[in-house]
C-alpha atoms as a PDB file:
ATOM      1  CA  MET A   1       4.641 -31.440   6.305  1.00  0.00           C
ATOM      2  CA  SER A   2       7.308 -28.810   5.961  1.00  0.00           C
ATOM      3  CA  ALA A   3       6.861 -25.312   7.278  1.00  0.00           C
ATOM      4  CA  PRO A   4       5.945 -22.702   4.696  1.00  0.00           C
ATOM      5  CA  THR A   5       8.892 -20.678   3.492  1.00  0.00           C
ATOM      6  CA  THR A   6       8.818 -17.043   4.427  1.00  0.00           C
ATOM      7  CA  ARG A   7      10.736 -14.235   2.891  1.00  0.00           C
ATOM      8  CA  PRO A   8      12.281 -11.633   5.143  1.00  0.00           C
ATOM      9  CA  PHE A   9      11.017  -8.093   4.757  1.00  0.00           C
ATOM     10  CA  PHE A  10      13.982  -7.194   2.545  1.00  0.00           C
ATOM     11  CA  GLY A  11      12.803  -9.717  -0.059  1.00  0.00           C
ATOM     12  CA  GLN A  12       9.267  -8.329  -0.264  1.00  0.00           C
ATOM     13  CA  PRO A  13       8.943  -5.505  -2.797  1.00  0.00           C
ATOM     14  CA  PHE A  14       5.391  -4.648  -1.732  1.00  0.00           C
ATOM     15  CA  GLY A  15       6.573  -4.216   1.855  1.00  0.00           C
ATOM     16  CA  TRP A  16       9.231  -1.801   0.647  1.00  0.00           C
ATOM     17  CA  LEU A  17       6.710   0.129  -1.431  1.00  0.00           C
ATOM     18  CA  VAL A  18       4.321   0.461   1.505  1.00  0.00           C
ATOM     19  CA  LEU A  19       7.229   1.539   3.731  1.00  0.00           C
ATOM     20  CA  ALA A  20       8.312   4.163   1.179  1.00  0.00           C
ATOM     21  CA  VAL A  21       4.775   5.516   0.796  1.00  0.00           C
ATOM     22  CA  GLY A  22       4.358   5.552   4.568  1.00  0.00           C
ATOM     23  CA  LEU A  23       7.654   7.380   5.056  1.00  0.00           C
ATOM     24  CA  ALA A  24       6.604   9.954   2.459  1.00  0.00           C
ATOM     25  CA  MET A  25       3.391  10.520   4.419  1.00  0.00           C
ATOM     26  CA  VAL A  26       5.258  11.463   7.604  1.00  0.00           C
ATOM     27  CA  PRO A  27       6.707  14.765   6.316  1.00  0.00           C
ATOM     28  CA  LEU A  28       3.521  15.492   4.357  1.00  0.00           C
ATOM     29  CA  GLY A  29       1.431  14.978   7.480  1.00  0.00           C
ATOM     30  CA  ALA A  30       3.843  17.026   9.554  1.00  0.00           C
ATOM     31  CA  ALA A  31       3.808  19.845   7.001  1.00  0.00           C
ATOM     32  CA  LEU A  32       0.004  19.844   6.972  1.00  0.00           C
ATOM     33  CA  ALA A  33      -0.122  19.876  10.769  1.00  0.00           C
ATOM     34  CA  GLN A  34       2.232  22.873  10.866  1.00  0.00           C
ATOM     35  CA  THR A  35       0.176  24.966   8.447  1.00  0.00           C
ATOM     36  CA  GLY A  36      -2.402  25.926  11.023  1.00  0.00           C
ATOM     37  CA  TRP A  37      -5.083  25.363   8.394  1.00  0.00           C
ATOM     38  CA  THR A  38      -8.627  24.566   9.402  1.00  0.00           C
ATOM     39  CA  TRP A  39      -9.955  21.128   8.505  1.00  0.00           C
ATOM     40  CA  THR A  40     -11.913  22.576   5.574  1.00  0.00           C
ATOM     41  CA  ARG A  41      -8.634  23.936   4.152  1.00  0.00           C
ATOM     42  CA  MET A  42      -6.656  20.780   4.973  1.00  0.00           C
ATOM     43  CA  HIS A  43      -9.237  18.287   3.681  1.00  0.00           C
ATOM     44  CA  PRO A  44      -8.529  18.913  -0.036  1.00  0.00           C
ATOM     45  CA  ALA A  45      -4.812  18.343   0.640  1.00  0.00           C
ATOM     46  CA  VAL A  46      -5.592  15.011   2.287  1.00  0.00           C
ATOM     47  CA  ASN A  47      -7.658  14.083  -0.770  1.00  0.00           C
ATOM     48  CA  ALA A  48      -4.774  15.022  -3.082  1.00  0.00           C
ATOM     49  CA  ILE A  49      -2.441  12.830  -1.026  1.00  0.00           C
ATOM     50  CA  LEU A  50      -4.876   9.920  -1.342  1.00  0.00           C
ATOM     51  CA  ASN A  51      -5.113  10.488  -5.112  1.00  0.00           C
ATOM     52  CA  GLY A  52      -1.331  10.651  -5.438  1.00  0.00           C
ATOM     53  CA  THR A  53      -0.855   7.542  -3.317  1.00  0.00           C
ATOM     54  CA  SER A  54      -3.325   5.671  -5.483  1.00  0.00           C
ATOM     55  CA  ALA A  55      -1.392   6.758  -8.585  1.00  0.00           C
ATOM     56  CA  VAL A  56       1.864   5.488  -7.050  1.00  0.00           C
ATOM     57  CA  PHE A  57       0.295   2.075  -6.449  1.00  0.00           C
ATOM     58  CA  VAL A  58      -1.211   2.032  -9.967  1.00  0.00           C
ATOM     59  CA  ILE A  59       2.213   2.770 -11.486  1.00  0.00           C
ATOM     60  CA  ALA A  60       3.891   0.123  -9.335  1.00  0.00           C
ATOM     61  CA  GLY A  61       1.180  -2.369 -10.273  1.00  0.00           C
ATOM     62  CA  GLY A  62       1.688  -1.604 -13.958  1.00  0.00           C
ATOM     63  CA  ILE A  63       5.428  -2.138 -13.679  1.00  0.00           C
ATOM     64  CA  ALA A  64       4.874  -5.338 -11.714  1.00  0.00           C
ATOM     65  CA  ILE A  65       2.573  -6.890 -14.291  1.00  0.00           C
ATOM     66  CA  LYS A  66       5.004  -6.068 -17.113  1.00  0.00           C
ATOM     67  CA  ARG A  67       7.627  -7.975 -15.105  1.00  0.00           C
ATOM     68  CA  ARG A  68       5.136 -10.806 -14.556  1.00  0.00           C
ATOM     69  CA  ALA A  69       5.236 -10.272 -10.785  1.00  0.00           C
ATOM     70  CA  ILE A  70       1.588 -11.293 -10.346  1.00  0.00           C
ATOM     71  CA  ASP A  71       1.452 -11.246  -6.533  1.00  0.00           C
ATOM     72  CA  PHE A  72       3.132  -7.830  -6.344  1.00  0.00           C
ATOM     73  CA  HIS A  73       0.762  -6.551  -9.053  1.00  0.00           C
ATOM     74  CA  ARG A  74      -2.261  -7.862  -7.149  1.00  0.00           C
ATOM     75  CA  ARG A  75      -1.149  -6.232  -3.907  1.00  0.00           C
ATOM     76  CA  CYS A  76      -0.413  -2.907  -5.588  1.00  0.00           C
ATOM     77  CA  MET A  77      -3.724  -2.795  -7.389  1.00  0.00           C
ATOM     78  CA  LEU A  78      -5.674  -3.720  -4.244  1.00  0.00           C
ATOM     79  CA  ALA A  79      -3.803  -0.958  -2.391  1.00  0.00           C
ATOM     80  CA  ALA A  80      -4.667   1.462  -5.222  1.00  0.00           C
ATOM     81  CA  VAL A  81      -8.339   0.446  -5.025  1.00  0.00           C
ATOM     82  CA  GLY A  82      -8.247   0.956  -1.254  1.00  0.00           C
ATOM     83  CA  CYS A  83      -6.700   4.428  -1.562  1.00  0.00           C
ATOM     84  CA  SER A  84      -9.163   5.346  -4.298  1.00  0.00           C
ATOM     85  CA  ALA A  85     -12.123   4.135  -2.238  1.00  0.00           C
ATOM     86  CA  VAL A  86     -11.029   6.164   0.797  1.00  0.00           C
ATOM     87  CA  PHE A  87     -10.467   9.145  -1.506  1.00  0.00           C
ATOM     88  CA  LEU A  88     -13.929   8.835  -3.043  1.00  0.00           C
ATOM     89  CA  VAL A  89     -15.659   8.722   0.344  1.00  0.00           C
ATOM     90  CA  SER A  90     -13.528  11.603   1.620  1.00  0.00           C
ATOM     91  CA  TYR A  91     -14.144  13.660  -1.527  1.00  0.00           C
ATOM     92  CA  LEU A  92     -17.901  13.149  -1.324  1.00  0.00           C
ATOM     93  CA  ILE A  93     -17.836  14.258   2.326  1.00  0.00           C
ATOM     94  CA  ARG A  94     -15.761  17.315   1.416  1.00  0.00           C
ATOM     95  CA  PHE A  95     -18.077  18.200  -1.469  1.00  0.00           C
ATOM     96  CA  ALA A  96     -21.190  17.739   0.696  1.00  0.00           C
ATOM     97  CA  THR A  97     -19.790  19.982   3.434  1.00  0.00           C
ATOM     98  CA  THR A  98     -18.100  22.755   1.447  1.00  0.00           C
ATOM     99  CA  GLY A  99     -19.490  22.492  -2.102  1.00  0.00           C
ATOM    100  CA  ALA A 100     -17.730  23.306  -5.336  1.00  0.00           C
ATOM    101  CA  HIS A 101     -14.718  25.594  -5.310  1.00  0.00           C
ATOM    102  CA  ARG A 102     -14.267  28.071  -8.150  1.00  0.00           C
ATOM    103  CA  TYR A 103     -10.877  28.664  -9.708  1.00  0.00           C
ATOM    104  CA  PRO A 104      -9.874  32.205  -8.716  1.00  0.00           C
ATOM    105  CA  GLY A 105      -7.505  32.836 -11.635  1.00  0.00           C
ATOM    106  CA  THR A 106      -8.242  34.198 -15.093  1.00  0.00           C
ATOM    107  CA  GLY A 107      -7.015  33.973 -18.652  1.00  0.00           C
ATOM    108  CA  ALA A 108      -4.914  31.126 -20.002  1.00  0.00           C
ATOM    109  CA  ALA A 109      -4.318  29.645 -16.536  1.00  0.00           C
ATOM    110  CA  LYS A 110      -8.060  29.306 -15.994  1.00  0.00           C
ATOM    111  CA  THR A 111      -8.497  27.741 -19.433  1.00  0.00           C
ATOM    112  CA  VAL A 112      -5.777  25.169 -18.714  1.00  0.00           C
ATOM    113  CA  TYR A 113      -7.316  24.477 -15.306  1.00  0.00           C
ATOM    114  CA  LEU A 114     -10.789  23.971 -16.778  1.00  0.00           C
ATOM    115  CA  ILE A 115      -9.466  21.622 -19.476  1.00  0.00           C
ATOM    116  CA  ILE A 116      -7.619  19.529 -16.909  1.00  0.00           C
ATOM    117  CA  LEU A 117     -10.581  19.581 -14.518  1.00  0.00           C
ATOM    118  CA  GLY A 118     -13.031  18.677 -17.288  1.00  0.00           C
ATOM    119  CA  THR A 119     -11.003  15.735 -18.558  1.00  0.00           C
ATOM    120  CA  HIS A 120     -10.299  14.638 -14.997  1.00  0.00           C
ATOM    121  CA  THR A 121     -14.005  14.710 -14.092  1.00  0.00           C
ATOM    122  CA  VAL A 122     -15.206  12.875 -17.200  1.00  0.00           C
ATOM    123  CA  LEU A 123     -12.489  10.224 -16.954  1.00  0.00           C
ATOM    124  CA  ALA A 124     -13.078   9.801 -13.199  1.00  0.00           C
ATOM    125  CA  ALA A 125     -16.702   8.938 -13.953  1.00  0.00           C
ATOM    126  CA  ILE A 126     -15.518   6.462 -16.585  1.00  0.00           C
ATOM    127  CA  ALA A 127     -12.732   5.048 -14.393  1.00  0.00           C
ATOM    128  CA  LEU A 128     -14.982   3.915 -11.568  1.00  0.00           C
ATOM    129  CA  PRO A 129     -16.920   1.253 -13.493  1.00  0.00           C
ATOM    130  CA  LEU A 130     -13.804   0.279 -15.482  1.00  0.00           C
ATOM    131  CA  VAL A 131     -11.753  -0.284 -12.338  1.00  0.00           C
ATOM    132  CA  LEU A 132     -14.548  -2.088 -10.522  1.00  0.00           C
ATOM    133  CA  ARG A 133     -15.109  -4.391 -13.504  1.00  0.00           C
ATOM    134  CA  ALA A 134     -11.376  -5.055 -13.915  1.00  0.00           C
ATOM    135  CA  LEU A 135     -11.157  -5.825 -10.204  1.00  0.00           C
ATOM    136  CA  TRP A 136     -14.120  -8.195 -10.425  1.00  0.00           C
ATOM    137  CA  LEU A 137     -12.641  -9.997 -13.425  1.00  0.00           C
ATOM    138  CA  ALA A 138      -9.310 -10.390 -11.652  1.00  0.00           C
ATOM    139  CA  LEU A 139     -10.876 -11.629  -8.419  1.00  0.00           C
ATOM    140  CA  THR A 140     -13.009 -14.161 -10.319  1.00  0.00           C
ATOM    141  CA  ASP A 141      -9.920 -15.397 -12.213  1.00  0.00           C
ATOM    142  CA  ARG A 142     -11.056 -14.293 -15.668  1.00  0.00           C
ATOM    143  CA  VAL A 143      -7.564 -13.188 -16.546  1.00  0.00           C
ATOM    144  CA  ASP A 144      -7.974 -12.793 -20.321  1.00  0.00           C
ATOM    145  CA  ARG A 145     -10.985 -10.507 -19.957  1.00  0.00           C
ATOM    146  CA  HIS A 146      -9.286  -8.669 -17.075  1.00  0.00           C
ATOM    147  CA  ARG A 147      -6.197  -8.083 -19.222  1.00  0.00           C
ATOM    148  CA  ARG A 148      -8.237  -6.709 -22.152  1.00  0.00           C
ATOM    149  CA  LEU A 149     -10.162  -4.320 -19.906  1.00  0.00           C
ATOM    150  CA  ALA A 150      -7.104  -3.303 -17.888  1.00  0.00           C
ATOM    151  CA  ARG A 151      -5.442  -2.013 -21.055  1.00  0.00           C
ATOM    152  CA  TRP A 152      -8.111   0.707 -21.037  1.00  0.00           C
ATOM    153  CA  ALA A 153      -8.656   1.050 -17.292  1.00  0.00           C
ATOM    154  CA  TYR A 154      -4.969   1.460 -16.399  1.00  0.00           C
ATOM    155  CA  PRO A 155      -4.223   4.671 -18.338  1.00  0.00           C
ATOM    156  CA  VAL A 156      -7.599   6.181 -17.435  1.00  0.00           C
ATOM    157  CA  TRP A 157      -7.102   5.453 -13.733  1.00  0.00           C
ATOM    158  CA  LEU A 158      -3.537   6.738 -13.809  1.00  0.00           C
ATOM    159  CA  TYR A 159      -4.598   9.942 -15.567  1.00  0.00           C
ATOM    160  CA  VAL A 160      -7.350  10.523 -13.011  1.00  0.00           C
ATOM    161  CA  GLY A 161      -4.968   9.974 -10.085  1.00  0.00           C
ATOM    162  CA  VAL A 162      -2.278  12.293 -11.416  1.00  0.00           C
ATOM    163  CA  THR A 163      -4.649  15.026 -12.615  1.00  0.00           C
ATOM    164  CA  GLY A 164      -6.430  14.921  -9.261  1.00  0.00           C
ATOM    165  CA  VAL A 165      -3.202  16.124  -7.671  1.00  0.00           C
ATOM    166  CA  VAL A 166      -2.673  18.674 -10.459  1.00  0.00           C
ATOM    167  CA  VAL A 167      -6.204  20.046 -10.014  1.00  0.00           C
ATOM    168  CA  TYR A 168      -5.596  20.407  -6.269  1.00  0.00           C
ATOM    169  CA  LEU A 169      -2.278  22.210  -6.806  1.00  0.00           C
ATOM    170  CA  MET A 170      -3.736  24.536  -9.431  1.00  0.00           C
ATOM    171  CA  LEU A 171      -6.835  25.357  -7.399  1.00  0.00           C
ATOM    172  CA  TYR A 172      -5.267  25.840  -3.972  1.00  0.00           C
ATOM    173  CA  HIS A 173      -1.651  26.790  -4.594  1.00  0.00           C
ATOM    174  CA  PHE A 174      -0.988  28.140  -8.077  1.00  0.00           C
ATOM    175  CA  ALA A 175      -4.119  30.211  -8.731  1.00  0.00           C
END
């Protein structure tokens, strides 16, 4: 029997993606640590980072599948599910401990915020079962059904990930 062939790190796109995401987290983490914020102020930022990281993996997974890089796609989507799961648990903890946060602005900015928040919330509720079902279909090798569902789940999940970051920025930094 011959030894399995291994690719060095430089030939592994997923390794590079994880390294890039990890390196982006270092200055973000350092910036958060330097703010002097309490945990209740920092927690929403951590959630936004998790949402954004999930979106990065969803985008990379979408590009990978278009290039027929199945293994890279699988790894990206599992990483996106992992980030989303950690986000969901963290968000539920944050909501249980500090409750809802009202947008302090008024006028057109508040209207835009409420539209984005409303669509984000509705689509997040829709995304969860879509993503879980798509994941199940992929893991049980029902590729045709997975592909049909993923055509709907992908843009919904991506929208939720990106608008999660937008909602955070609007609520905590631009209001």
